[in-house]
Every structure is written in C-alpha cells, then in structure tokens.
C-alpha atoms as a PDB file:
ATOM      1  CA  UNK A   1      -0.131   0.015  -0.071  1.00  0.00           C
ATOM      2  CA  UNK A   2       1.348   3.646  -0.842  1.00  0.00           C
ATOM      3  CA  UNK A   3       1.893   5.646   2.025  1.00  0.00           C
ATOM      4  CA  UNK A   4      -0.815   8.349   2.614  1.00  0.00           C
ATOM      5  CA  UNK A   5       2.214  11.657   2.230  1.00  0.00           C
ATOM      6  CA  UNK A   6       5.449  11.161   0.687  1.00  0.00           C
ATOM      7  CA  UNK A   7       7.639  13.521   0.808  1.00  0.00           C
ATOM      8  CA  UNK A   8      10.878  13.219  -1.468  1.00  0.00           C
ATOM      9  CA  UNK A   9      13.903  15.636  -1.603  1.00  0.00           C
ATOM     10  CA  UNK A  10      12.125  18.581  -0.226  1.00  0.00           C
ATOM     11  CA  UNK A  11      13.998  22.072   0.389  1.00  0.00           C
ATOM     12  CA  UNK A  12      12.875  25.348   1.577  1.00  0.00           C
ATOM     13  CA  UNK A  13      14.871  28.154   1.270  1.00  0.00           C
ATOM     14  CA  UNK A  14      13.308  31.718   2.110  1.00  0.00           C
ATOM     15  CA  UNK A  15      14.764  35.061  -0.365  1.00  0.00           C
ATOM     16  CA  UNK A  16      17.328  35.833   2.831  1.00  0.00           C
ATOM     17  CA  UNK A  17      19.116  32.801   2.231  1.00  0.00           C
ATOM     18  CA  UNK A  18      17.937  31.084   5.286  1.00  0.00           C
ATOM     19  CA  UNK A  19      17.739  27.439   4.380  1.00  0.00           C
ATOM     20  CA  UNK A  20      14.551  25.843   6.478  1.00  0.00           C
ATOM     21  CA  UNK A  21      14.437  22.357   4.781  1.00  0.00           C
ATOM     22  CA  UNK A  22      17.292  20.476   3.530  1.00  0.00           C
ATOM     23  CA  UNK A  23      16.719  17.530   0.968  1.00  0.00           C
ATOM     24  CA  UNK A  24      14.019  16.360   3.479  1.00  0.00           C
ATOM     25  CA  UNK A  25      12.639  12.758   2.496  1.00  0.00           C
ATOM     26  CA  UNK A  26      10.015  10.974   4.375  1.00  0.00           C
ATOM     27  CA  UNK A  27       7.219   8.503   3.946  1.00  0.00           C
ATOM     28  CA  UNK A  28       4.275   8.322   6.541  1.00  0.00           C
ATOM     29  CA  UNK A  29       1.870   5.313   6.824  1.00  0.00           C
ATOM     30  CA  UNK A  30      -1.722   5.530   6.544  1.00  0.00           C
ATOM     31  CA  UNK A  31      -3.432   5.351  10.140  1.00  0.00           C
ATOM     32  CA  UNK A  32      -0.159   5.897  11.980  1.00  0.00           C
ATOM     33  CA  UNK A  33       0.864   8.463  14.930  1.00  0.00           C
ATOM     34  CA  UNK A  34       4.395  10.155  13.829  1.00  0.00           C
ATOM     35  CA  UNK A  35       5.617  12.354  16.410  1.00  0.00           C
ATOM     36  CA  UNK A  36       8.464  14.708  14.958  1.00  0.00           C
ATOM     37  CA  UNK A  37      10.518  16.203  17.397  1.00  0.00           C
ATOM     38  CA  UNK A  38      13.226  19.049  17.185  1.00  0.00           C
ATOM     39  CA  UNK A  39      14.540  22.173  18.884  1.00  0.00           C
ATOM     40  CA  UNK A  40      12.926  25.623  17.714  1.00  0.00           C
ATOM     41  CA  UNK A  41      13.931  26.741  14.584  1.00  0.00           C
ATOM     42  CA  UNK A  42      14.727  22.998  13.524  1.00  0.00           C
ATOM     43  CA  UNK A  43      12.106  22.956  10.357  1.00  0.00           C
ATOM     44  CA  UNK A  44       9.000  21.341  11.929  1.00  0.00           C
ATOM     45  CA  UNK A  45       6.606  24.008  10.943  1.00  0.00           C
ATOM     46  CA  UNK A  46       8.251  24.928   7.532  1.00  0.00           C
ATOM     47  CA  UNK A  47       7.706  20.910   6.873  1.00  0.00           C
ATOM     48  CA  UNK A  48       4.084  20.729   8.037  1.00  0.00           C
ATOM     49  CA  UNK A  49       3.275  24.263   5.976  1.00  0.00           C
ATOM     50  CA  UNK A  50       4.492  22.950   2.927  1.00  0.00           C
ATOM     51  CA  UNK A  51       2.414  19.585   3.376  1.00  0.00           C
ATOM     52  CA  UNK A  52      -0.905  21.618   4.150  1.00  0.00           C
ATOM     53  CA  UNK A  53      -0.320  23.937   1.223  1.00  0.00           C
ATOM     54  CA  UNK A  54       0.811  27.105   3.298  1.00  0.00           C
ATOM     55  CA  UNK A  55       4.071  27.583   2.067  1.00  0.00           C
ATOM     56  CA  UNK A  56       5.569  26.818  -1.514  1.00  0.00           C
ATOM     57  CA  UNK A  57       8.878  24.631  -1.487  1.00  0.00           C
ATOM     58  CA  UNK A  58      11.894  25.548  -3.163  1.00  0.00           C
ATOM     59  CA  UNK A  59      12.531  21.951  -4.704  1.00  0.00           C
ATOM     60  CA  UNK A  60      11.248  18.621  -4.050  1.00  0.00           C
ATOM     61  CA  UNK A  61       7.717  16.670  -4.144  1.00  0.00           C
ATOM     62  CA  UNK A  62       5.103  16.182  -1.733  1.00  0.00           C
ATOM     63  CA  UNK A  63       2.171  13.570  -2.225  1.00  0.00           C
ATOM     64  CA  UNK A  64      -1.033  13.213  -0.455  1.00  0.00           C
ATOM     65  CA  UNK A  65      -2.800  10.180  -1.333  1.00  0.00           C
ATOM     66  CA  UNK A  66      -0.818  10.272  -4.352  1.00  0.00           C
ATOM     67  CA  UNK A  67      -2.050  13.836  -5.195  1.00  0.00           C
ATOM     68  CA  UNK A  68       0.625  16.867  -5.635  1.00  0.00           C
ATOM     69  CA  UNK A  69       0.327  19.317  -2.801  1.00  0.00           C
ATOM     70  CA  UNK A  70       1.359  22.439  -5.479  1.00  0.00           C
ATOM     71  CA  UNK A  71      -0.537  20.982  -8.489  1.00  0.00           C
ATOM     72  CA  UNK A  72      -3.722  19.402  -6.969  1.00  0.00           C
ATOM     73  CA  UNK A  73      -3.812  21.867  -4.335  1.00  0.00           C
ATOM     74  CA  UNK A  74      -7.775  21.322  -3.576  1.00  0.00           C
ATOM     75  CA  UNK A  75      -7.702  17.667  -3.173  1.00  0.00           C
ATOM     76  CA  UNK A  76      -4.822  17.196  -1.005  1.00  0.00           C
ATOM     77  CA  UNK A  77      -5.719  20.173   1.617  1.00  0.00           C
ATOM     78  CA  UNK A  78      -9.543  18.836   1.551  1.00  0.00           C
ATOM     79  CA  UNK A  79      -7.838  15.608   2.867  1.00  0.00           C
ATOM     80  CA  UNK A  80      -5.778  17.450   5.975  1.00  0.00           C
ATOM     81  CA  UNK A  81      -6.898  18.833   9.032  1.00  0.00           C
ATOM     82  CA  UNK A  82      -4.225  21.569  10.659  1.00  0.00           C
ATOM     83  CA  UNK A  83      -4.400  22.790  14.484  1.00  0.00           C
ATOM     84  CA  UNK A  84      -1.818  25.398  14.493  1.00  0.00           C
ATOM     85  CA  UNK A  85       0.340  26.602  17.010  1.00  0.00           C
ATOM     86  CA  UNK A  86      -1.143  30.264  16.960  1.00  0.00           C
ATOM     87  CA  UNK A  87      -4.692  30.948  18.269  1.00  0.00           C
ATOM     88  CA  UNK A  88      -6.309  32.386  15.080  1.00  0.00           C
ATOM     89  CA  UNK A  89     -10.275  32.594  15.486  1.00  0.00           C
ATOM     90  CA  UNK A  90     -12.968  34.293  14.165  1.00  0.00           C
ATOM     91  CA  UNK A  91     -13.378  36.062  17.388  1.00  0.00           C
ATOM     92  CA  UNK A  92     -16.994  37.599  17.325  1.00  0.00           C
ATOM     93  CA  UNK A  93     -18.528  34.289  15.708  1.00  0.00           C
ATOM     94  CA  UNK A  94     -20.037  31.257  17.930  1.00  0.00           C
ATOM     95  CA  UNK A  95     -18.440  28.011  18.298  1.00  0.00           C
ATOM     96  CA  UNK A  96     -20.991  26.323  16.239  1.00  0.00           C
ATOM     97  CA  UNK A  97     -20.936  28.794  13.440  1.00  0.00           C
ATOM     98  CA  UNK A  98     -17.409  28.740  13.220  1.00  0.00           C
ATOM     99  CA  UNK A  99     -17.099  25.011  12.888  1.00  0.00           C
ATOM    100  CA  UNK A 100     -20.011  24.456  10.678  1.00  0.00           C
ATOM    101  CA  UNK A 101     -18.206  27.134   8.461  1.00  0.00           C
ATOM    102  CA  UNK A 102     -15.051  25.346   8.453  1.00  0.00           C
ATOM    103  CA  UNK A 103     -16.637  22.357   7.076  1.00  0.00           C
ATOM    104  CA  UNK A 104     -18.214  24.331   4.427  1.00  0.00           C
ATOM    105  CA  UNK A 105     -15.157  25.676   3.085  1.00  0.00           C
ATOM    106  CA  UNK A 106     -13.650  22.176   2.586  1.00  0.00           C
ATOM    107  CA  UNK A 107     -16.635  21.245   0.166  1.00  0.00           C
ATOM    108  CA  UNK A 108     -18.712  19.053   3.151  1.00  0.00           C
ATOM    109  CA  UNK A 109     -22.187  18.997   2.919  1.00  0.00           C
ATOM    110  CA  UNK A 110     -24.060  20.352   6.426  1.00  0.00           C
ATOM    111  CA  UNK A 111     -23.632  17.452   9.034  1.00  0.00           C
ATOM    112  CA  UNK A 112     -25.004  18.954  12.348  1.00  0.00           C
ATOM    113  CA  UNK A 113     -24.877  15.148  14.129  1.00  0.00           C
ATOM    114  CA  UNK A 114     -21.321  15.197  13.352  1.00  0.00           C
ATOM    115  CA  UNK A 115     -20.212  18.674  14.294  1.00  0.00           C
ATOM    116  CA  UNK A 116     -22.478  17.928  17.622  1.00  0.00           C
ATOM    117  CA  UNK A 117     -20.079  14.444  18.203  1.00  0.00           C
ATOM    118  CA  UNK A 118     -16.690  16.709  17.616  1.00  0.00           C
ATOM    119  CA  UNK A 119     -18.258  19.640  20.163  1.00  0.00           C
ATOM    120  CA  UNK A 120     -18.870  16.558  22.678  1.00  0.00           C
ATOM    121  CA  UNK A 121     -15.365  15.047  22.413  1.00  0.00           C
ATOM    122  CA  UNK A 122     -13.929  18.304  22.956  1.00  0.00           C
ATOM    123  CA  UNK A 123     -16.112  19.178  26.379  1.00  0.00           C
ATOM    124  CA  UNK A 124     -17.397  22.098  23.859  1.00  0.00           C
ATOM    125  CA  UNK A 125     -21.039  21.431  23.499  1.00  0.00           C
ATOM    126  CA  UNK A 126     -22.190  23.463  26.497  1.00  0.00           C
ATOM    127  CA  UNK A 127     -20.043  26.162  24.571  1.00  0.00           C
ATOM    128  CA  UNK A 128     -21.973  25.514  21.499  1.00  0.00           C
ATOM    129  CA  UNK A 129     -23.342  29.053  21.149  1.00  0.00           C
ATOM    130  CA  UNK A 130     -20.430  31.601  23.065  1.00  0.00           C
ATOM    131  CA  UNK A 131     -18.807  33.846  21.152  1.00  0.00           C
ATOM    132  CA  UNK A 132     -15.494  33.199  20.653  1.00  0.00           C
ATOM    133  CA  UNK A 133     -13.590  36.296  22.117  1.00  0.00           C
ATOM    134  CA  UNK A 134     -15.442  35.148  25.662  1.00  0.00           C
ATOM    135  CA  UNK A 135     -13.910  31.897  25.468  1.00  0.00           C
ATOM    136  CA  UNK A 136     -10.397  31.439  27.504  1.00  0.00           C
ATOM    137  CA  UNK A 137      -7.261  30.187  25.963  1.00  0.00           C
ATOM    138  CA  UNK A 138      -7.597  26.646  26.447  1.00  0.00           C
ATOM    139  CA  UNK A 139     -11.266  26.786  25.095  1.00  0.00           C
ATOM    140  CA  UNK A 140     -10.020  28.216  21.938  1.00  0.00           C
ATOM    141  CA  UNK A 141      -7.260  25.933  21.542  1.00  0.00           C
ATOM    142  CA  UNK A 142     -10.497  23.270  21.737  1.00  0.00           C
ATOM    143  CA  UNK A 143     -11.918  25.377  19.030  1.00  0.00           C
ATOM    144  CA  UNK A 144      -8.995  25.281  16.548  1.00  0.00           C
ATOM    145  CA  UNK A 145      -8.997  21.623  16.985  1.00  0.00           C
ATOM    146  CA  UNK A 146     -12.677  20.695  16.582  1.00  0.00           C
ATOM    147  CA  UNK A 147     -12.323  23.117  13.373  1.00  0.00           C
ATOM    148  CA  UNK A 148      -9.604  21.118  12.061  1.00  0.00           C
ATOM    149  CA  UNK A 149     -11.889  17.723  12.478  1.00  0.00           C
ATOM    150  CA  UNK A 150     -15.020  19.597  10.788  1.00  0.00           C
ATOM    151  CA  UNK A 151     -14.206  18.139   7.643  1.00  0.00           C
ATOM    152  CA  UNK A 152     -13.462  14.568   8.588  1.00  0.00           C
ATOM    153  CA  UNK A 153     -10.159  14.746   7.577  1.00  0.00           C
ATOM    154  CA  UNK A 154      -7.687  11.378   6.721  1.00  0.00           C
ATOM    155  CA  UNK A 155      -4.811  13.201   7.716  1.00  0.00           C
ATOM    156  CA  UNK A 156      -4.803  15.286  11.161  1.00  0.00           C
ATOM    157  CA  UNK A 157      -1.837  17.865  11.877  1.00  0.00           C
ATOM    158  CA  UNK A 158      -1.205  19.004  15.272  1.00  0.00           C
ATOM    159  CA  UNK A 159       1.712  21.571  15.643  1.00  0.00           C
ATOM    160  CA  UNK A 160       2.508  21.635  19.578  1.00  0.00           C
ATOM    161  CA  UNK A 161      -1.091  21.398  20.045  1.00  0.00           C
ATOM    162  CA  UNK A 162      -0.675  21.284  23.988  1.00  0.00           C
ATOM    163  CA  UNK A 163       1.509  24.219  24.469  1.00  0.00           C
ATOM    164  CA  UNK A 164       0.473  25.937  27.696  1.00  0.00           C
ATOM    165  CA  UNK A 165      -2.866  24.109  28.140  1.00  0.00           C
ATOM    166  CA  UNK A 166      -4.374  22.556  30.864  1.00  0.00           C
ATOM    167  CA  UNK A 167      -4.101  19.114  32.366  1.00  0.00           C
ATOM    168  CA  UNK A 168      -7.979  18.285  31.025  1.00  0.00           C
ATOM    169  CA  UNK A 169      -7.502  19.796  27.278  1.00  0.00           C
ATOM    170  CA  UNK A 170      -4.121  17.582  27.184  1.00  0.00           C
ATOM    171  CA  UNK A 171      -6.389  14.658  28.572  1.00  0.00           C
ATOM    172  CA  UNK A 172      -9.318  14.661  26.211  1.00  0.00           C
ATOM    173  CA  UNK A 173      -6.595  15.423  23.647  1.00  0.00           C
ATOM    174  CA  UNK A 174      -5.257  12.565  23.683  1.00  0.00           C
ATOM    175  CA  UNK A 175      -8.382  10.207  24.423  1.00  0.00           C
ATOM    176  CA  UNK A 176      -9.670  12.195  20.732  1.00  0.00           C
ATOM    177  CA  UNK A 177      -6.148  10.811  19.379  1.00  0.00           C
ATOM    178  CA  UNK A 178      -6.785   7.425  20.374  1.00  0.00           C
ATOM    179  CA  UNK A 179      -9.678   7.463  18.818  1.00  0.00           C
ATOM    180  CA  UNK A 180      -9.234   9.501  15.362  1.00  0.00           C
ATOM    181  CA  UNK A 181      -6.226   6.323  14.988  1.00  0.00           C
ATOM    182  CA  UNK A 182      -8.714   3.752  15.696  1.00  0.00           C
ATOM    183  CA  UNK A 183     -10.867   4.997  12.716  1.00  0.00           C
ATOM    184  CA  UNK A 184      -8.007   4.883  10.600  1.00  0.00           C
ATOM    185  CA  UNK A 185      -7.189   8.850  10.671  1.00  0.00           C
ATOM    186  CA  UNK A 186      -3.220   9.575  10.160  1.00  0.00           C
ATOM    187  CA  UNK A 187      -1.837  11.794  12.591  1.00  0.00           C
ATOM    188  CA  UNK A 188       1.199  13.827  12.848  1.00  0.00           C
ATOM    189  CA  UNK A 189       2.077  15.481  15.776  1.00  0.00           C
ATOM    190  CA  UNK A 190       4.687  17.921  16.933  1.00  0.00           C
ATOM    191  CA  UNK A 191       5.171  18.730  20.581  1.00  0.00           C
ATOM    192  CA  UNK A 192       8.232  19.742  23.347  1.00  0.00           C
ATOM    193  CA  UNK A 193       6.493  17.193  25.792  1.00  0.00           C
ATOM    194  CA  UNK A 194       8.722  14.094  24.719  1.00  0.00           C
ATOM    195  CA  UNK A 195       6.722  11.970  27.102  1.00  0.00           C
ATOM    196  CA  UNK A 196       3.848  12.548  25.403  1.00  0.00           C
ATOM    197  CA  UNK A 197       5.400  11.230  21.935  1.00  0.00           C
ATOM    198  CA  UNK A 198       6.898   8.441  23.803  1.00  0.00           C
ATOM    199  CA  UNK A 199       3.445   7.407  25.258  1.00  0.00           C
ATOM    200  CA  UNK A 200       1.065   7.667  21.667  1.00  0.00           C
ATOM    201  CA  UNK A 201       3.536   7.301  19.112  1.00  0.00           C
ATOM    202  CA  UNK A 202       3.801   4.932  16.430  1.00  0.00           C
ATOM    203  CA  UNK A 203       7.257   6.187  15.021  1.00  0.00           C
ATOM    204  CA  UNK A 204       9.375   8.985  16.209  1.00  0.00           C
ATOM    205  CA  UNK A 205      11.217  11.897  13.548  1.00  0.00           C
ATOM    206  CA  UNK A 206      13.677  13.576  15.005  1.00  0.00           C
ATOM    207  CA  UNK A 207      14.602  16.912  12.975  1.00  0.00           C
ATOM    208  CA  UNK A 208      17.071  19.784  13.300  1.00  0.00           C
ATOM    209  CA  UNK A 209      18.457  22.513  11.336  1.00  0.00           C
ATOM    210  CA  UNK A 210      16.278  21.538   8.423  1.00  0.00           C
ATOM    211  CA  UNK A 211      17.536  17.866   8.304  1.00  0.00           C
ATOM    212  CA  UNK A 212      15.630  14.676   9.258  1.00  0.00           C
ATOM    213  CA  UNK A 213      18.112  12.988  11.747  1.00  0.00           C
ATOM    214  CA  UNK A 214      15.905   9.527  11.960  1.00  0.00           C
ATOM    215  CA  UNK A 215      12.764   8.342  11.737  1.00  0.00           C
ATOM    216  CA  UNK A 216      12.270   4.852  13.578  1.00  0.00           C
ATOM    217  CA  UNK A 217       9.749   2.836  14.789  1.00  0.00           C
ATOM    218  CA  UNK A 218       9.296   3.675  18.910  1.00  0.00           C
ATOM    219  CA  UNK A 219      10.369   0.181  20.018  1.00  0.00           C
ATOM    220  CA  UNK A 220      12.931  -0.170  17.551  1.00  0.00           C
ATOM    221  CA  UNK A 221      14.401   3.193  18.681  1.00  0.00           C
ATOM    222  CA  UNK A 222      14.354   2.605  21.890  1.00  0.00           C
ATOM    223  CA  UNK A 223      15.517  -0.856  21.279  1.00  0.00           C
ATOM    224  CA  UNK A 224      18.457   0.376  19.190  1.00  0.00           C
ATOM    225  CA  UNK A 225      19.680   3.266  21.005  1.00  0.00           C
ATOM    226  CA  UNK A 226      18.403   3.107  24.356  1.00  0.00           C
ATOM    227  CA  UNK A 227      20.744   1.689  27.244  1.00  0.00           C
ATOM    228  CA  UNK A 228      20.448   0.619  30.894  1.00  0.00           C
ATOM    229  CA  UNK A 229      22.212   1.287  33.721  1.00  0.00           C
ATOM    230  CA  UNK A 230      22.465  -0.763  36.950  1.00  0.00           C
ATOM    231  CA  UNK A 231      23.626   1.680  40.010  1.00  0.00           C
ATOM    232  CA  UNK A 232      24.955  -0.082  42.683  1.00  0.00           C
ATOM    233  CA  UNK A 233      25.192   1.636  46.065  1.00  0.00           C
ATOM    234  CA  UNK A 234      28.881   1.150  47.967  1.00  0.00           C
ATOM    235  CA  UNK A 235      28.991   0.256  51.659  1.00  0.00           C
ATOM    236  CA  UNK A 236      32.434   2.426  51.696  1.00  0.00           C
ATOM    237  CA  UNK A 237      33.082   5.014  48.781  1.00  0.00           C
ATOM    238  CA  UNK A 238      36.154   3.868  46.369  1.00  0.00           C
ATOM    239  CA  UNK A 239      38.705   6.336  44.814  1.00  0.00           C
ATOM    240  CA  UNK A 240      39.425   4.234  42.012  1.00  0.00           C
ATOM    241  CA  UNK A 241      37.961   1.094  40.521  1.00  0.00           C
ATOM    242  CA  UNK A 242      40.070  -2.291  40.808  1.00  0.00           C
ATOM    243  CA  UNK A 243      42.273  -3.140  37.477  1.00  0.00           C
ATOM    244  CA  UNK A 244      40.305  -6.335  37.494  1.00  0.00           C
ATOM    245  CA  UNK A 245      37.263  -4.785  36.769  1.00  0.00           C
ATOM    246  CA  UNK A 246      38.222  -3.073  33.316  1.00  0.00           C
ATOM    247  CA  UNK A 247      36.575  -5.419  31.349  1.00  0.00           C
ATOM    248  CA  UNK A 248      33.439  -4.151  32.714  1.00  0.00           C
ATOM    249  CA  UNK A 249      31.576  -1.075  31.403  1.00  0.00           C
ATOM    250  CA  UNK A 250      32.038   0.692  35.220  1.00  0.00           C
ATOM    251  CA  UNK A 251      32.311   4.242  36.393  1.00  0.00           C
ATOM    252  CA  UNK A 252      32.393   5.684  39.791  1.00  0.00           C
ATOM    253  CA  UNK A 253      29.920   8.345  41.024  1.00  0.00           C
ATOM    254  CA  UNK A 254      28.190   9.833  43.964  1.00  0.00           C
ATOM    255  CA  UNK A 255      31.815  10.730  45.163  1.00  0.00           C
ATOM    256  CA  UNK A 256      32.663   7.370  44.790  1.00  0.00           C
ATOM    257  CA  UNK A 257      29.836   5.793  46.635  1.00  0.00           C
ATOM    258  CA  UNK A 258      28.014   4.280  43.489  1.00  0.00           C
ATOM    259  CA  UNK A 259      29.000   1.904  40.631  1.00  0.00           C
ATOM    260  CA  UNK A 260      26.911   2.754  37.658  1.00  0.00           C
ATOM    261  CA  UNK A 261      27.271  -0.179  34.980  1.00  0.00           C
ATOM    262  CA  UNK A 262      26.094   1.010  31.629  1.00  0.00           C
ATOM    263  CA  UNK A 263      24.725  -2.319  29.533  1.00  0.00           C
ATOM    264  CA  UNK A 264      22.593  -3.381  26.332  1.00  0.00           C
ATOM    265  CA  UNK A 265      18.608  -3.756  26.894  1.00  0.00           C
ATOM    266  CA  UNK A 266      19.299  -7.076  25.526  1.00  0.00           C
ATOM    267  CA  UNK A 267      21.683  -8.176  28.483  1.00  0.00           C
ATOM    268  CA  UNK A 268      21.021 -11.613  30.018  1.00  0.00           C
ATOM    269  CA  UNK A 269      20.622 -11.784  34.165  1.00  0.00           C
ATOM    270  CA  UNK A 270      23.708 -13.762  33.985  1.00  0.00           C
ATOM    271  CA  UNK A 271      25.639 -10.960  33.296  1.00  0.00           C
ATOM    272  CA  UNK A 272      24.240  -8.798  36.500  1.00  0.00           C
ATOM    273  CA  UNK A 273      25.079 -11.864  38.649  1.00  0.00           C
ATOM    274  CA  UNK A 274      28.548 -12.252  36.991  1.00  0.00           C
ATOM    275  CA  UNK A 275      28.942  -8.800  37.885  1.00  0.00           C
ATOM    276  CA  UNK A 276      28.118  -9.268  41.448  1.00  0.00           C
ATOM    277  CA  UNK A 277      30.596 -11.579  41.896  1.00  0.00           C
ATOM    278  CA  UNK A 278      33.171 -10.008  40.271  1.00  0.00           C
ATOM    279  CA  UNK A 279      32.635  -7.113  42.677  1.00  0.00           C
ATOM    280  CA  UNK A 280      32.657  -9.752  45.643  1.00  0.00           C
ATOM    281  CA  UNK A 281      35.682 -10.958  44.586  1.00  0.00           C
ATOM    282  CA  UNK A 282      37.353  -7.403  44.812  1.00  0.00           C
ATOM    283  CA  UNK A 283      36.150  -7.151  48.256  1.00  0.00           C
ATOM    284  CA  UNK A 284      33.776  -4.049  47.170  1.00  0.00           C
ATOM    285  CA  UNK A 285      30.353  -4.778  49.282  1.00  0.00           C
ATOM    286  CA  UNK A 286      27.391  -3.365  47.707  1.00  0.00           C
ATOM    287  CA  UNK A 287      24.166  -2.103  50.109  1.00  0.00           C
ATOM    288  CA  UNK A 288      21.744  -1.534  47.429  1.00  0.00           C
ATOM    289  CA  UNK A 289      21.016  -2.177  43.383  1.00  0.00           C
ATOM    290  CA  UNK A 290      18.714   0.350  41.355  1.00  0.00           C
ATOM    291  CA  UNK A 291      18.535   0.217  37.196  1.00  0.00           C
ATOM    292  CA  UNK A 292      17.581   2.972  35.150  1.00  0.00           C
ATOM    293  CA  UNK A 293      16.521   3.016  30.966  1.00  0.00           C
ATOM    294  CA  UNK A 294      17.140   5.529  28.862  1.00  0.00           C
ATOM    295  CA  UNK A 295      14.129   7.626  27.813  1.00  0.00           C
ATOM    296  CA  UNK A 296      13.449   9.046  24.679  1.00  0.00           C
ATOM    297  CA  UNK A 297      14.455  12.298  25.617  1.00  0.00           C
ATOM    298  CA  UNK A 298      17.986  11.250  26.456  1.00  0.00           C
ATOM    299  CA  UNK A 299      18.244   9.813  22.818  1.00  0.00           C
ATOM    300  CA  UNK A 300      16.667  13.142  21.485  1.00  0.00           C
ATOM    301  CA  UNK A 301      19.054  15.017  23.462  1.00  0.00           C
ATOM    302  CA  UNK A 302      22.014  12.803  22.194  1.00  0.00           C
ATOM    303  CA  UNK A 303      21.238  13.010  18.474  1.00  0.00           C
ATOM    304  CA  UNK A 304      20.648  16.779  18.807  1.00  0.00           C
ATOM    305  CA  UNK A 305      23.821  17.181  20.471  1.00  0.00           C
ATOM    306  CA  UNK A 306      25.773  14.834  18.125  1.00  0.00           C
ATOM    307  CA  UNK A 307      24.616  17.295  15.316  1.00  0.00           C
ATOM    308  CA  UNK A 308      24.946  20.675  16.571  1.00  0.00           C
END
C-alpha cells in the first residue's frame, strides 16, 4: 500500500538565504501516529506548512494520497486537518457557526450530527452558542481542534497542540487522538512534551536544522539506541575501580559511593549476577541496586547534541 504522505527531496530556502529544510525525504503510512521532535527553528512548522499548502517548497515534491500538494491543492487540502500553534479564531462568531463554516469551506455538506459529536468529544457542547472572544485560551484551543476535524480529514496535523494548555485539555486531546487512530486517521504531531510522544506515537522522527536525522519505529528506536544502567550503592566509597574490573563498562559516581554499570537492554540476567560476583571477589560490598532505562528524551538530546 502506498504511503498516505510521500515527501521526496524537499527543500525550502527563503529570500533571505535562510535554508529551513534541506533535502527532506519521508514517507508516512496511513493510520499511524508520527511524532516529529526537534528544537525551535528545526523546520517542523515549515514542513507542516508545505504539506498543508500554506508555504511553497523551493524544490522537491509532496504527495498526499497520491496527489501533488502544489498542482492538486484543493484535493490534498481537503484530506488534511491542521491545528496550528497560534490561536487564530473568528472572535465575533459562535463556536457552532465557526466549526460549521470550516466544514463548508472544505466543500463538505452540512452534518449537524457530526459537528455535535466533535464538539462533545472536546467538551465544547455546552459552549456551542458562546462567542469566541469570550472563551478562555484553553477553550479557543479546543475550537481550533474542532475546526480541524470539521471536514472529517484523513490526515491530522497537530502543531504543538498542548503547549501552554491545561491538564484537562491535554487529557481530552489524547483520548481524541486515540479514537481517531482507531478510525484510521493519520496523525502527525509536533510537541515539546517528549513523554507524550513516547506514550502515544507509533514512530518517532527527529529533525534539526532543516534535516531529518532519524525516523524510526518507537520500540525499535528504544531498543537500538536505548541503554540501561545498573546503579550499585556501596558500603564504603572508592577512590578508583580495581583493575580486574576493567572488562566491565563501569564508572564511579556519587563521590565514589556508587558504581554505574552501562549495559545493552538485551543483556541477560546472568551478566548482572556475574558482575555482582566480580565485585564480591574484589571485596566491594554493595548495599543496594537500582536500574534505569534510557528515555526517549535522553536519545533526543544525544542525537541533537551530536548534530549541533
């Protein structure tokens, strides 16, 4: 099956000479959740803007469901819902009217039952007759999401959707994302909350300085780049490790009161027991043992650091 979005050799250079995207190629499969991570200025919003037809590329192609985003703008845009970072709403319209208008703007026939369903899923039903300028920032964010979903898109872009919003909206958002995925909607998410990406994404993409550094299945990424640590608290501090322990990947921490053992996630329990036996042979008494798994944030920081 062809990917729902196919990006090939995409570049964007502005008139100032700034290169926002550099030869980006990426396929996004239908029905998946892709989390796109990167620091400010990495190119995330530029990439989304090009796919959504808001910004023209300098070179390269983007296909959405087989249609070119430049030549077939109306067809591709009708398939896409976008929740932007900025709170841009029709301040003097009601919630109901602005969401219904967005549906019609994409050429869809009126469907009050569907709009009601969307508003209820975002806890907006009681606010359907409220004027937008009277709503809180969190409620306006919910309206943006409702507008993006109004025309039943097959692809949904969420550009920093939970930045600065309350816990309640964040909870509603991820419940909605889970429901949309079950219905086959493809979701591309940019976020600064790496723990959210780690929780809900199927694949992780990391972008920095206009280049895609990595796109990988989340579980595979954690398995390939993730590491584990065993932290051993010592009865007596050490100034250095005995030479007979050189074959182990050990280091001292906590002013010599801890030994840290870095190991691959697939290491066998027997390796741990062998290390404890080696420490006992070296007359090193251990009082406590704890383990720590590398997080997605650790991997992200490491990759960004390597390319900076």
